[in-house]
Amino acid sequence: MTSASTTLEFPDVRDRLGDRSIALVGLMGAGKTTVGRRLAAILGLPFSDSDHEIEEVSRMSVPELFEAYGEPEFRALEARVVSRLVQDGPRVLGTGGGAYINPETRLHLKTHAVTVWLKADLDTLMTRVMKRSNRPLLKTADPRATMKTLMDERYPVYAEADITIASRDVKREVIAAEAAEAVQRFLTSRATA
C-alpha cells in the first residue's frame, strides 16, 4: 500500500485539520515515534519528533540534557520546542513522555492539535523500553516499579487527550491505521457538532 493510496482513504482529514497538528502523547515505549511516522505517511503529513528536535536545538542528547541541567530545565526547553512545532502544522508530532504532563504544554497542544494518547500496558512498555538504555527516568534500581509509578501519575492526565488508542503488540501499521480512523471520526464529529 503506497502513501498516495492510503492518503485517499482519509481525504478530508488534512482539510479538516486546517492548521492544527496531530500530537501523539503517552509514556516512553508507547510508540509515539514509530506509530507517528506511519500515521504521517498514511495522512500525507510531515512528521516531527519533539525529542529529536530538542537534541537538534541543544546539540545534546536527551540523557545529556537531563544530566547537565536537570528535569525542570529540560521540561522548559521541551515546552518551547513543542509549542513551536505544533504551530508549524498541520503535521504529526510525537511528543516526549512528560510533555503532556506540563499544564502549559497540554493547554497549547489542546488548542493547536488533536491529541492522541497511545495507551500501553506495563508489560508492553517494559518490553519496548528495555531494548534501549537511554531512558533517563528509568535509571533507577527498579525500572519496572518506576514505570508503574509513572503510569499511576501520568495516565489520568493522558486520559484528557481527545482520542485514546491501545498500543499493543501488533504491527505499528495497525495502530497507525486505527489512529487515522479515530482522528477522522473525531474531526467529523467536531465538524457536525
N, C-alpha and C. Protein backbone atom coordinates (compact mmCIF):
# COMPACT_ATOMS: atom_id res chain seq x y z
N MET A 1 0.85 -1.19 0.00
CA MET A 1 0.00 0.00 0.00
C MET A 1 0.89 1.24 0.00
N THR A 2 0.75 2.10 -0.95
CA THR A 2 1.58 3.29 -1.05
C THR A 2 0.97 4.42 -0.23
N SER A 3 1.80 5.41 0.09
CA SER A 3 1.28 6.53 0.87
C SER A 3 0.23 7.31 0.08
N ALA A 4 0.35 7.33 -1.25
CA ALA A 4 -0.65 8.04 -2.05
C ALA A 4 -2.01 7.34 -1.94
N SER A 5 -2.01 6.00 -2.00
CA SER A 5 -3.28 5.29 -1.91
C SER A 5 -3.86 5.37 -0.52
N THR A 6 -3.02 5.36 0.52
CA THR A 6 -3.56 5.44 1.87
C THR A 6 -4.10 6.82 2.17
N THR A 7 -3.49 7.84 1.60
CA THR A 7 -4.00 9.19 1.80
C THR A 7 -5.41 9.32 1.26
N LEU A 8 -5.72 8.57 0.18
CA LEU A 8 -7.06 8.61 -0.40
C LEU A 8 -8.12 8.06 0.55
N GLU A 9 -7.71 7.20 1.49
CA GLU A 9 -8.66 6.64 2.45
C GLU A 9 -9.13 7.69 3.46
N PHE A 10 -8.35 8.74 3.63
CA PHE A 10 -8.65 9.78 4.61
C PHE A 10 -8.56 11.16 3.96
N PRO A 11 -9.35 11.38 2.89
CA PRO A 11 -9.18 12.60 2.11
C PRO A 11 -9.52 13.88 2.87
N ASP A 12 -10.44 13.80 3.82
CA ASP A 12 -10.86 15.03 4.48
C ASP A 12 -10.10 15.35 5.75
N VAL A 13 -9.24 14.45 6.22
CA VAL A 13 -8.53 14.70 7.47
C VAL A 13 -7.66 15.94 7.36
N ARG A 14 -6.88 16.01 6.30
CA ARG A 14 -5.96 17.14 6.15
C ARG A 14 -6.74 18.46 6.07
N ASP A 15 -7.84 18.47 5.30
CA ASP A 15 -8.65 19.69 5.19
C ASP A 15 -9.27 20.07 6.53
N ARG A 16 -9.80 19.07 7.22
CA ARG A 16 -10.47 19.36 8.49
C ARG A 16 -9.49 19.74 9.60
N LEU A 17 -8.25 19.33 9.48
CA LEU A 17 -7.25 19.75 10.46
C LEU A 17 -7.00 21.25 10.37
N GLY A 18 -7.12 21.80 9.16
CA GLY A 18 -6.76 23.20 8.98
C GLY A 18 -5.29 23.38 9.28
N ASP A 19 -4.96 24.27 10.22
CA ASP A 19 -3.55 24.46 10.58
C ASP A 19 -3.18 23.71 11.85
N ARG A 20 -4.10 22.90 12.36
CA ARG A 20 -3.80 22.11 13.56
C ARG A 20 -2.94 20.91 13.22
N SER A 21 -2.26 20.41 14.22
CA SER A 21 -1.45 19.20 14.09
C SER A 21 -2.14 18.05 14.80
N ILE A 22 -1.55 16.89 14.68
CA ILE A 22 -1.96 15.71 15.45
C ILE A 22 -0.79 15.41 16.38
N ALA A 23 -1.02 15.48 17.68
CA ALA A 23 0.05 15.25 18.66
C ALA A 23 -0.17 13.91 19.36
N LEU A 24 0.84 13.05 19.29
CA LEU A 24 0.79 11.77 19.97
C LEU A 24 1.41 11.93 21.35
N VAL A 25 0.68 11.48 22.37
CA VAL A 25 1.14 11.57 23.75
C VAL A 25 1.13 10.19 24.37
N GLY A 26 1.89 10.02 25.43
CA GLY A 26 1.95 8.75 26.13
C GLY A 26 3.32 8.52 26.72
N LEU A 27 3.45 7.44 27.46
CA LEU A 27 4.71 7.12 28.10
C LEU A 27 5.76 6.67 27.10
N MET A 28 7.01 6.70 27.55
CA MET A 28 8.10 6.16 26.74
C MET A 28 7.77 4.71 26.41
N GLY A 29 8.02 4.35 25.17
CA GLY A 29 7.74 2.99 24.74
C GLY A 29 6.34 2.77 24.20
N ALA A 30 5.50 3.80 24.24
CA ALA A 30 4.13 3.65 23.75
C ALA A 30 4.07 3.58 22.22
N GLY A 31 5.11 4.08 21.55
CA GLY A 31 5.15 4.01 20.09
C GLY A 31 4.91 5.35 19.41
N LYS A 32 5.12 6.44 20.13
CA LYS A 32 4.80 7.76 19.57
C LYS A 32 5.62 8.07 18.32
N THR A 33 6.87 7.66 18.29
CA THR A 33 7.71 7.93 17.11
C THR A 33 7.42 6.95 15.99
N THR A 34 7.42 5.66 16.28
CA THR A 34 7.24 4.67 15.21
C THR A 34 5.83 4.72 14.64
N VAL A 35 4.83 4.81 15.49
CA VAL A 35 3.45 4.93 15.01
C VAL A 35 3.26 6.29 14.35
N GLY A 36 3.85 7.32 14.93
CA GLY A 36 3.72 8.68 14.38
C GLY A 36 4.21 8.78 12.96
N ARG A 37 5.35 8.16 12.67
CA ARG A 37 5.88 8.18 11.30
C ARG A 37 4.91 7.52 10.33
N ARG A 38 4.34 6.40 10.74
CA ARG A 38 3.41 5.69 9.87
C ARG A 38 2.09 6.46 9.72
N LEU A 39 1.63 7.05 10.80
CA LEU A 39 0.41 7.87 10.74
C LEU A 39 0.61 9.05 9.80
N ALA A 40 1.75 9.69 9.88
CA ALA A 40 2.05 10.82 9.00
C ALA A 40 2.04 10.37 7.54
N ALA A 41 2.63 9.20 7.27
CA ALA A 41 2.64 8.68 5.89
C ALA A 41 1.23 8.39 5.41
N ILE A 42 0.41 7.80 6.26
CA ILE A 42 -0.97 7.49 5.89
C ILE A 42 -1.74 8.76 5.53
N LEU A 43 -1.52 9.81 6.30
CA LEU A 43 -2.28 11.05 6.12
C LEU A 43 -1.60 12.04 5.16
N GLY A 44 -0.41 11.72 4.70
CA GLY A 44 0.30 12.62 3.80
C GLY A 44 0.76 13.89 4.50
N LEU A 45 1.15 13.77 5.77
CA LEU A 45 1.60 14.91 6.56
C LEU A 45 3.07 14.74 6.95
N PRO A 46 3.77 15.82 7.22
CA PRO A 46 5.13 15.68 7.75
C PRO A 46 5.09 15.16 9.18
N PHE A 47 6.18 14.53 9.61
CA PHE A 47 6.31 14.03 10.97
C PHE A 47 7.46 14.73 11.67
N SER A 48 7.24 15.08 12.94
CA SER A 48 8.30 15.63 13.78
C SER A 48 8.29 14.89 15.11
N ASP A 49 9.46 14.72 15.68
CA ASP A 49 9.61 14.12 16.99
C ASP A 49 10.21 15.19 17.91
N SER A 50 9.51 15.53 18.98
CA SER A 50 9.97 16.64 19.82
C SER A 50 11.32 16.35 20.46
N ASP A 51 11.58 15.10 20.87
CA ASP A 51 12.89 14.80 21.46
C ASP A 51 14.01 15.00 20.44
N HIS A 52 13.78 14.57 19.19
CA HIS A 52 14.78 14.77 18.14
C HIS A 52 15.03 16.26 17.91
N GLU A 53 13.95 17.03 17.88
CA GLU A 53 14.08 18.49 17.68
C GLU A 53 14.83 19.13 18.83
N ILE A 54 14.57 18.69 20.06
CA ILE A 54 15.27 19.21 21.23
C ILE A 54 16.76 18.92 21.12
N GLU A 55 17.10 17.71 20.68
CA GLU A 55 18.51 17.34 20.52
C GLU A 55 19.17 18.18 19.43
N GLU A 56 18.42 18.46 18.36
CA GLU A 56 18.97 19.31 17.29
C GLU A 56 19.23 20.73 17.79
N VAL A 57 18.27 21.28 18.51
CA VAL A 57 18.39 22.66 19.00
C VAL A 57 19.51 22.79 20.03
N SER A 58 19.60 21.84 20.94
CA SER A 58 20.56 21.95 22.04
C SER A 58 21.92 21.35 21.71
N ARG A 59 21.98 20.54 20.66
CA ARG A 59 23.20 19.82 20.29
C ARG A 59 23.65 18.88 21.41
N MET A 60 22.66 18.40 22.17
CA MET A 60 22.91 17.43 23.24
C MET A 60 21.81 16.37 23.18
N SER A 61 22.12 15.17 23.64
CA SER A 61 21.10 14.13 23.70
C SER A 61 20.18 14.41 24.89
N VAL A 62 18.99 13.82 24.87
CA VAL A 62 18.07 13.98 25.99
C VAL A 62 18.72 13.54 27.30
N PRO A 63 19.39 12.35 27.36
CA PRO A 63 20.05 11.98 28.61
C PRO A 63 21.11 12.99 29.06
N GLU A 64 21.86 13.56 28.09
CA GLU A 64 22.86 14.57 28.44
C GLU A 64 22.19 15.82 29.01
N LEU A 65 21.08 16.22 28.42
CA LEU A 65 20.35 17.40 28.92
C LEU A 65 19.85 17.17 30.34
N PHE A 66 19.29 15.99 30.59
CA PHE A 66 18.82 15.66 31.94
C PHE A 66 19.97 15.74 32.93
N GLU A 67 21.11 15.17 32.55
CA GLU A 67 22.25 15.13 33.47
C GLU A 67 22.84 16.52 33.69
N ALA A 68 22.95 17.31 32.64
CA ALA A 68 23.59 18.62 32.74
C ALA A 68 22.69 19.67 33.41
N TYR A 69 21.39 19.64 33.11
CA TYR A 69 20.51 20.72 33.55
C TYR A 69 19.36 20.29 34.46
N GLY A 70 19.11 18.99 34.53
CA GLY A 70 18.02 18.51 35.36
C GLY A 70 16.70 18.51 34.62
N GLU A 71 15.74 17.82 35.20
CA GLU A 71 14.44 17.67 34.54
C GLU A 71 13.69 18.99 34.37
N PRO A 72 13.68 19.90 35.38
CA PRO A 72 12.91 21.15 35.19
C PRO A 72 13.38 21.97 33.98
N GLU A 73 14.69 22.08 33.78
CA GLU A 73 15.20 22.84 32.63
C GLU A 73 14.87 22.12 31.33
N PHE A 74 14.99 20.79 31.35
CA PHE A 74 14.63 20.03 30.16
C PHE A 74 13.16 20.26 29.80
N ARG A 75 12.28 20.23 30.79
CA ARG A 75 10.84 20.40 30.54
C ARG A 75 10.54 21.80 30.00
N ALA A 76 11.27 22.80 30.46
CA ALA A 76 11.08 24.17 29.94
C ALA A 76 11.47 24.24 28.46
N LEU A 77 12.60 23.63 28.11
CA LEU A 77 13.03 23.59 26.71
C LEU A 77 12.02 22.79 25.88
N GLU A 78 11.57 21.67 26.42
CA GLU A 78 10.59 20.84 25.73
C GLU A 78 9.31 21.62 25.44
N ALA A 79 8.86 22.40 26.41
CA ALA A 79 7.63 23.20 26.22
C ALA A 79 7.80 24.19 25.07
N ARG A 80 8.96 24.83 24.99
CA ARG A 80 9.20 25.79 23.91
C ARG A 80 9.23 25.09 22.55
N VAL A 81 9.90 23.95 22.49
CA VAL A 81 10.02 23.23 21.22
C VAL A 81 8.67 22.70 20.77
N VAL A 82 7.91 22.10 21.68
CA VAL A 82 6.59 21.57 21.32
C VAL A 82 5.68 22.71 20.86
N SER A 83 5.73 23.83 21.54
CA SER A 83 4.92 25.00 21.16
C SER A 83 5.23 25.44 19.73
N ARG A 84 6.51 25.50 19.40
CA ARG A 84 6.91 25.91 18.05
C ARG A 84 6.46 24.88 17.01
N LEU A 85 6.70 23.62 17.29
CA LEU A 85 6.38 22.57 16.31
C LEU A 85 4.89 22.47 16.04
N VAL A 86 4.09 22.54 17.09
CA VAL A 86 2.65 22.35 16.92
C VAL A 86 2.04 23.51 16.13
N GLN A 87 2.67 24.66 16.20
CA GLN A 87 2.16 25.81 15.43
C GLN A 87 2.63 25.79 13.98
N ASP A 88 3.54 24.87 13.66
CA ASP A 88 4.00 24.72 12.27
C ASP A 88 3.15 23.69 11.54
N GLY A 89 1.93 23.47 12.01
CA GLY A 89 1.04 22.44 11.47
C GLY A 89 0.54 22.78 10.09
N PRO A 90 -0.17 21.87 9.48
CA PRO A 90 -0.50 20.56 10.06
C PRO A 90 0.64 19.58 9.92
N ARG A 91 0.80 18.76 10.94
CA ARG A 91 1.83 17.73 10.97
C ARG A 91 1.44 16.71 12.02
N VAL A 92 2.13 15.60 12.03
CA VAL A 92 2.01 14.63 13.12
C VAL A 92 3.23 14.85 14.00
N LEU A 93 3.00 15.00 15.29
CA LEU A 93 4.05 15.31 16.24
C LEU A 93 4.10 14.24 17.32
N GLY A 94 5.24 13.57 17.44
CA GLY A 94 5.48 12.66 18.55
C GLY A 94 6.10 13.46 19.68
N THR A 95 5.45 13.48 20.84
CA THR A 95 5.96 14.25 21.97
C THR A 95 6.69 13.35 22.96
N GLY A 96 7.53 13.96 23.77
CA GLY A 96 8.18 13.23 24.85
C GLY A 96 7.14 12.82 25.89
N GLY A 97 7.46 11.79 26.65
CA GLY A 97 6.52 11.24 27.62
C GLY A 97 6.03 12.24 28.65
N GLY A 98 6.85 13.21 29.00
CA GLY A 98 6.46 14.18 30.02
C GLY A 98 5.86 15.46 29.48
N ALA A 99 5.87 15.64 28.17
CA ALA A 99 5.40 16.90 27.59
C ALA A 99 3.96 17.21 27.96
N TYR A 100 3.08 16.24 27.83
CA TYR A 100 1.65 16.46 28.05
C TYR A 100 1.33 16.66 29.53
N ILE A 101 2.26 16.29 30.39
CA ILE A 101 2.06 16.43 31.83
C ILE A 101 2.19 17.90 32.24
N ASN A 102 2.98 18.65 31.52
CA ASN A 102 3.15 20.08 31.79
C ASN A 102 1.84 20.80 31.44
N PRO A 103 1.18 21.46 32.41
CA PRO A 103 -0.13 22.07 32.13
C PRO A 103 -0.10 23.09 30.98
N GLU A 104 0.95 23.86 30.90
CA GLU A 104 1.05 24.87 29.83
C GLU A 104 1.18 24.20 28.46
N THR A 105 2.03 23.17 28.38
CA THR A 105 2.20 22.45 27.13
C THR A 105 0.91 21.73 26.76
N ARG A 106 0.25 21.13 27.75
CA ARG A 106 -1.00 20.42 27.49
C ARG A 106 -2.05 21.38 26.93
N LEU A 107 -2.18 22.56 27.51
CA LEU A 107 -3.13 23.55 27.01
C LEU A 107 -2.78 23.95 25.58
N HIS A 108 -1.50 24.14 25.32
CA HIS A 108 -1.06 24.52 23.98
C HIS A 108 -1.40 23.42 22.97
N LEU A 109 -1.17 22.16 23.36
CA LEU A 109 -1.49 21.05 22.47
C LEU A 109 -2.99 20.95 22.25
N LYS A 110 -3.78 21.13 23.31
CA LYS A 110 -5.23 21.05 23.17
C LYS A 110 -5.76 22.17 22.25
N THR A 111 -5.09 23.31 22.26
CA THR A 111 -5.51 24.44 21.45
C THR A 111 -5.12 24.29 19.98
N HIS A 112 -3.94 23.72 19.73
CA HIS A 112 -3.38 23.70 18.38
C HIS A 112 -3.27 22.32 17.75
N ALA A 113 -3.81 21.30 18.42
CA ALA A 113 -3.65 19.95 17.88
C ALA A 113 -4.81 19.06 18.30
N VAL A 114 -4.98 17.99 17.57
CA VAL A 114 -5.81 16.87 18.01
C VAL A 114 -4.85 15.96 18.77
N THR A 115 -5.15 15.67 20.02
CA THR A 115 -4.24 14.88 20.84
C THR A 115 -4.68 13.42 20.86
N VAL A 116 -3.71 12.53 20.66
CA VAL A 116 -3.95 11.10 20.61
C VAL A 116 -3.06 10.42 21.64
N TRP A 117 -3.68 9.79 22.63
CA TRP A 117 -2.93 9.05 23.64
C TRP A 117 -2.72 7.62 23.17
N LEU A 118 -1.47 7.22 23.05
CA LEU A 118 -1.13 5.82 22.78
C LEU A 118 -0.95 5.14 24.14
N LYS A 119 -1.96 4.40 24.53
CA LYS A 119 -2.02 3.79 25.86
C LYS A 119 -1.55 2.35 25.79
N ALA A 120 -0.52 2.03 26.56
CA ALA A 120 0.02 0.67 26.58
C ALA A 120 0.06 0.15 28.01
N ASP A 121 0.02 -1.17 28.14
CA ASP A 121 0.12 -1.75 29.47
C ASP A 121 1.58 -1.84 29.90
N LEU A 122 1.78 -2.15 31.16
CA LEU A 122 3.12 -2.15 31.75
C LEU A 122 4.06 -3.14 31.05
N ASP A 123 3.59 -4.35 30.78
CA ASP A 123 4.46 -5.35 30.14
C ASP A 123 4.91 -4.90 28.76
N THR A 124 3.98 -4.34 27.99
CA THR A 124 4.32 -3.86 26.65
C THR A 124 5.37 -2.74 26.73
N LEU A 125 5.15 -1.78 27.63
CA LEU A 125 6.11 -0.68 27.76
C LEU A 125 7.49 -1.19 28.17
N MET A 126 7.53 -2.07 29.15
CA MET A 126 8.83 -2.56 29.63
C MET A 126 9.56 -3.35 28.55
N THR A 127 8.85 -4.17 27.81
CA THR A 127 9.49 -4.92 26.73
C THR A 127 10.14 -3.96 25.73
N ARG A 128 9.45 -2.89 25.43
CA ARG A 128 9.97 -1.94 24.44
C ARG A 128 11.11 -1.09 24.99
N VAL A 129 10.96 -0.54 26.19
CA VAL A 129 11.98 0.40 26.69
C VAL A 129 13.27 -0.28 27.11
N MET A 130 13.20 -1.56 27.48
CA MET A 130 14.42 -2.23 27.93
C MET A 130 15.34 -2.58 26.76
N LYS A 131 14.89 -2.35 25.53
CA LYS A 131 15.74 -2.59 24.36
C LYS A 131 16.78 -1.48 24.19
N ARG A 132 16.53 -0.33 24.86
CA ARG A 132 17.46 0.80 24.76
C ARG A 132 17.80 1.28 26.16
N SER A 133 19.02 1.74 26.34
CA SER A 133 19.46 2.15 27.68
C SER A 133 19.50 3.67 27.85
N ASN A 134 18.83 4.41 26.98
CA ASN A 134 18.92 5.87 27.01
C ASN A 134 17.67 6.51 27.61
N ARG A 135 17.08 5.90 28.62
CA ARG A 135 15.86 6.41 29.25
C ARG A 135 16.22 7.00 30.61
N PRO A 136 16.43 8.33 30.69
CA PRO A 136 16.89 8.92 31.96
C PRO A 136 15.99 8.63 33.15
N LEU A 137 14.69 8.60 32.95
CA LEU A 137 13.79 8.39 34.08
C LEU A 137 13.81 6.94 34.58
N LEU A 138 14.39 6.03 33.80
CA LEU A 138 14.44 4.63 34.21
C LEU A 138 15.81 4.22 34.74
N LYS A 139 16.67 5.19 34.97
CA LYS A 139 17.99 4.91 35.55
C LYS A 139 17.82 4.77 37.07
N THR A 140 17.08 3.74 37.46
CA THR A 140 16.77 3.51 38.87
C THR A 140 17.07 2.04 39.21
N ALA A 141 17.02 1.72 40.49
CA ALA A 141 17.27 0.34 40.93
C ALA A 141 16.18 -0.61 40.43
N ASP A 142 14.96 -0.11 40.26
CA ASP A 142 13.84 -0.95 39.83
C ASP A 142 13.06 -0.23 38.73
N PRO A 143 13.53 -0.34 37.46
CA PRO A 143 12.87 0.37 36.37
C PRO A 143 11.39 0.02 36.22
N ARG A 144 11.02 -1.22 36.47
CA ARG A 144 9.61 -1.62 36.34
C ARG A 144 8.75 -0.89 37.37
N ALA A 145 9.21 -0.78 38.59
CA ALA A 145 8.47 -0.05 39.62
C ALA A 145 8.39 1.43 39.27
N THR A 146 9.47 1.96 38.71
CA THR A 146 9.47 3.37 38.28
C THR A 146 8.44 3.58 37.18
N MET A 147 8.41 2.67 36.20
CA MET A 147 7.44 2.79 35.11
C MET A 147 6.01 2.70 35.65
N LYS A 148 5.78 1.81 36.60
CA LYS A 148 4.44 1.68 37.20
C LYS A 148 4.05 2.97 37.91
N THR A 149 4.97 3.59 38.61
CA THR A 149 4.71 4.87 39.27
C THR A 149 4.37 5.94 38.24
N LEU A 150 5.14 5.98 37.15
CA LEU A 150 4.87 6.95 36.08
C LEU A 150 3.48 6.72 35.49
N MET A 151 3.10 5.47 35.29
CA MET A 151 1.77 5.16 34.77
C MET A 151 0.70 5.68 35.73
N ASP A 152 0.87 5.40 37.02
CA ASP A 152 -0.11 5.83 38.02
C ASP A 152 -0.26 7.35 38.05
N GLU A 153 0.87 8.06 37.89
CA GLU A 153 0.85 9.52 37.93
C GLU A 153 0.34 10.13 36.62
N ARG A 154 0.75 9.56 35.51
CA ARG A 154 0.51 10.21 34.22
C ARG A 154 -0.74 9.75 33.49
N TYR A 155 -1.19 8.53 33.69
CA TYR A 155 -2.33 8.05 32.93
C TYR A 155 -3.59 8.89 33.13
N PRO A 156 -3.88 9.37 34.35
CA PRO A 156 -5.06 10.25 34.49
C PRO A 156 -4.94 11.54 33.67
N VAL A 157 -3.71 12.03 33.48
CA VAL A 157 -3.50 13.24 32.68
C VAL A 157 -3.60 12.92 31.19
N TYR A 158 -2.95 11.83 30.77
CA TYR A 158 -3.04 11.42 29.37
C TYR A 158 -4.49 11.18 28.96
N ALA A 159 -5.30 10.75 29.91
CA ALA A 159 -6.72 10.46 29.62
C ALA A 159 -7.48 11.71 29.17
N GLU A 160 -6.91 12.89 29.34
CA GLU A 160 -7.54 14.12 28.88
C GLU A 160 -7.38 14.32 27.37
N ALA A 161 -6.59 13.47 26.73
CA ALA A 161 -6.39 13.59 25.27
C ALA A 161 -7.71 13.41 24.55
N ASP A 162 -7.79 13.94 23.34
CA ASP A 162 -9.01 13.85 22.54
C ASP A 162 -9.36 12.41 22.18
N ILE A 163 -8.33 11.60 21.94
CA ILE A 163 -8.51 10.23 21.44
C ILE A 163 -7.57 9.31 22.21
N THR A 164 -8.03 8.10 22.50
CA THR A 164 -7.18 7.08 23.11
C THR A 164 -7.12 5.88 22.18
N ILE A 165 -5.90 5.42 21.90
CA ILE A 165 -5.67 4.25 21.06
C ILE A 165 -4.84 3.26 21.87
N ALA A 166 -5.24 2.01 21.87
CA ALA A 166 -4.50 0.96 22.58
C ALA A 166 -3.24 0.61 21.80
N SER A 167 -2.08 0.88 22.40
CA SER A 167 -0.81 0.49 21.80
C SER A 167 -0.47 -0.88 22.37
N ARG A 168 -0.34 -1.84 21.49
CA ARG A 168 -0.17 -3.22 21.92
C ARG A 168 0.75 -3.93 20.95
N ASP A 169 0.95 -5.22 21.17
CA ASP A 169 1.91 -5.98 20.39
C ASP A 169 1.30 -6.44 19.06
N VAL A 170 1.08 -5.47 18.18
CA VAL A 170 0.67 -5.73 16.80
C VAL A 170 1.55 -4.85 15.92
N LYS A 171 1.46 -5.03 14.61
CA LYS A 171 2.26 -4.20 13.72
C LYS A 171 1.91 -2.73 13.91
N ARG A 172 2.92 -1.89 13.82
CA ARG A 172 2.71 -0.45 14.01
C ARG A 172 1.75 0.12 12.98
N GLU A 173 1.73 -0.48 11.80
CA GLU A 173 0.81 -0.01 10.76
C GLU A 173 -0.64 -0.16 11.21
N VAL A 174 -0.93 -1.20 11.99
CA VAL A 174 -2.29 -1.42 12.51
C VAL A 174 -2.67 -0.29 13.46
N ILE A 175 -1.76 0.04 14.37
CA ILE A 175 -2.03 1.12 15.33
C ILE A 175 -2.18 2.45 14.60
N ALA A 176 -1.31 2.68 13.62
CA ALA A 176 -1.38 3.93 12.85
C ALA A 176 -2.70 4.04 12.10
N ALA A 177 -3.15 2.95 11.50
CA ALA A 177 -4.43 2.96 10.79
C ALA A 177 -5.59 3.21 11.75
N GLU A 178 -5.54 2.60 12.93
CA GLU A 178 -6.57 2.85 13.94
C GLU A 178 -6.57 4.31 14.37
N ALA A 179 -5.39 4.89 14.52
CA ALA A 179 -5.29 6.30 14.89
C ALA A 179 -5.84 7.19 13.79
N ALA A 180 -5.52 6.88 12.53
CA ALA A 180 -6.04 7.68 11.41
C ALA A 180 -7.56 7.64 11.37
N GLU A 181 -8.13 6.45 11.55
CA GLU A 181 -9.59 6.32 11.56
C GLU A 181 -10.20 7.09 12.73
N ALA A 182 -9.57 7.02 13.89
CA ALA A 182 -10.09 7.72 15.07
C ALA A 182 -10.02 9.24 14.90
N VAL A 183 -8.92 9.72 14.29
CA VAL A 183 -8.80 11.16 14.03
C VAL A 183 -9.87 11.59 13.05
N GLN A 184 -10.09 10.79 12.01
CA GLN A 184 -11.13 11.13 11.04
C GLN A 184 -12.50 11.21 11.72
N ARG A 185 -12.82 10.22 12.56
CA ARG A 185 -14.11 10.24 13.27
C ARG A 185 -14.22 11.45 14.18
N PHE A 186 -13.13 11.76 14.88
CA PHE A 186 -13.11 12.91 15.79
C PHE A 186 -13.36 14.21 15.04
N LEU A 187 -12.64 14.39 13.95
CA LEU A 187 -12.80 15.64 13.16
C LEU A 187 -14.19 15.73 12.54
N THR A 188 -14.72 14.61 12.08
CA THR A 188 -16.06 14.59 11.52
C THR A 188 -17.11 14.95 12.57
N SER A 189 -16.96 14.39 13.76
CA SER A 189 -17.93 14.70 14.83
C SER A 189 -17.84 16.15 15.26
N ARG A 190 -16.62 16.70 15.26
CA ARG A 190 -16.46 18.12 15.61
C ARG A 190 -17.08 19.02 14.55
N ALA A 191 -16.97 18.61 13.29
CA ALA A 191 -17.50 19.42 12.19
C ALA A 191 -19.03 19.44 12.19
N THR A 192 -19.62 18.34 12.66
CA THR A 192 -21.10 18.27 12.65
C THR A 192 -21.71 18.72 13.98
N ALA A 193 -20.87 18.98 14.98
CA ALA A 193 -21.39 19.38 16.30
C ALA A 193 -21.80 20.85 16.32
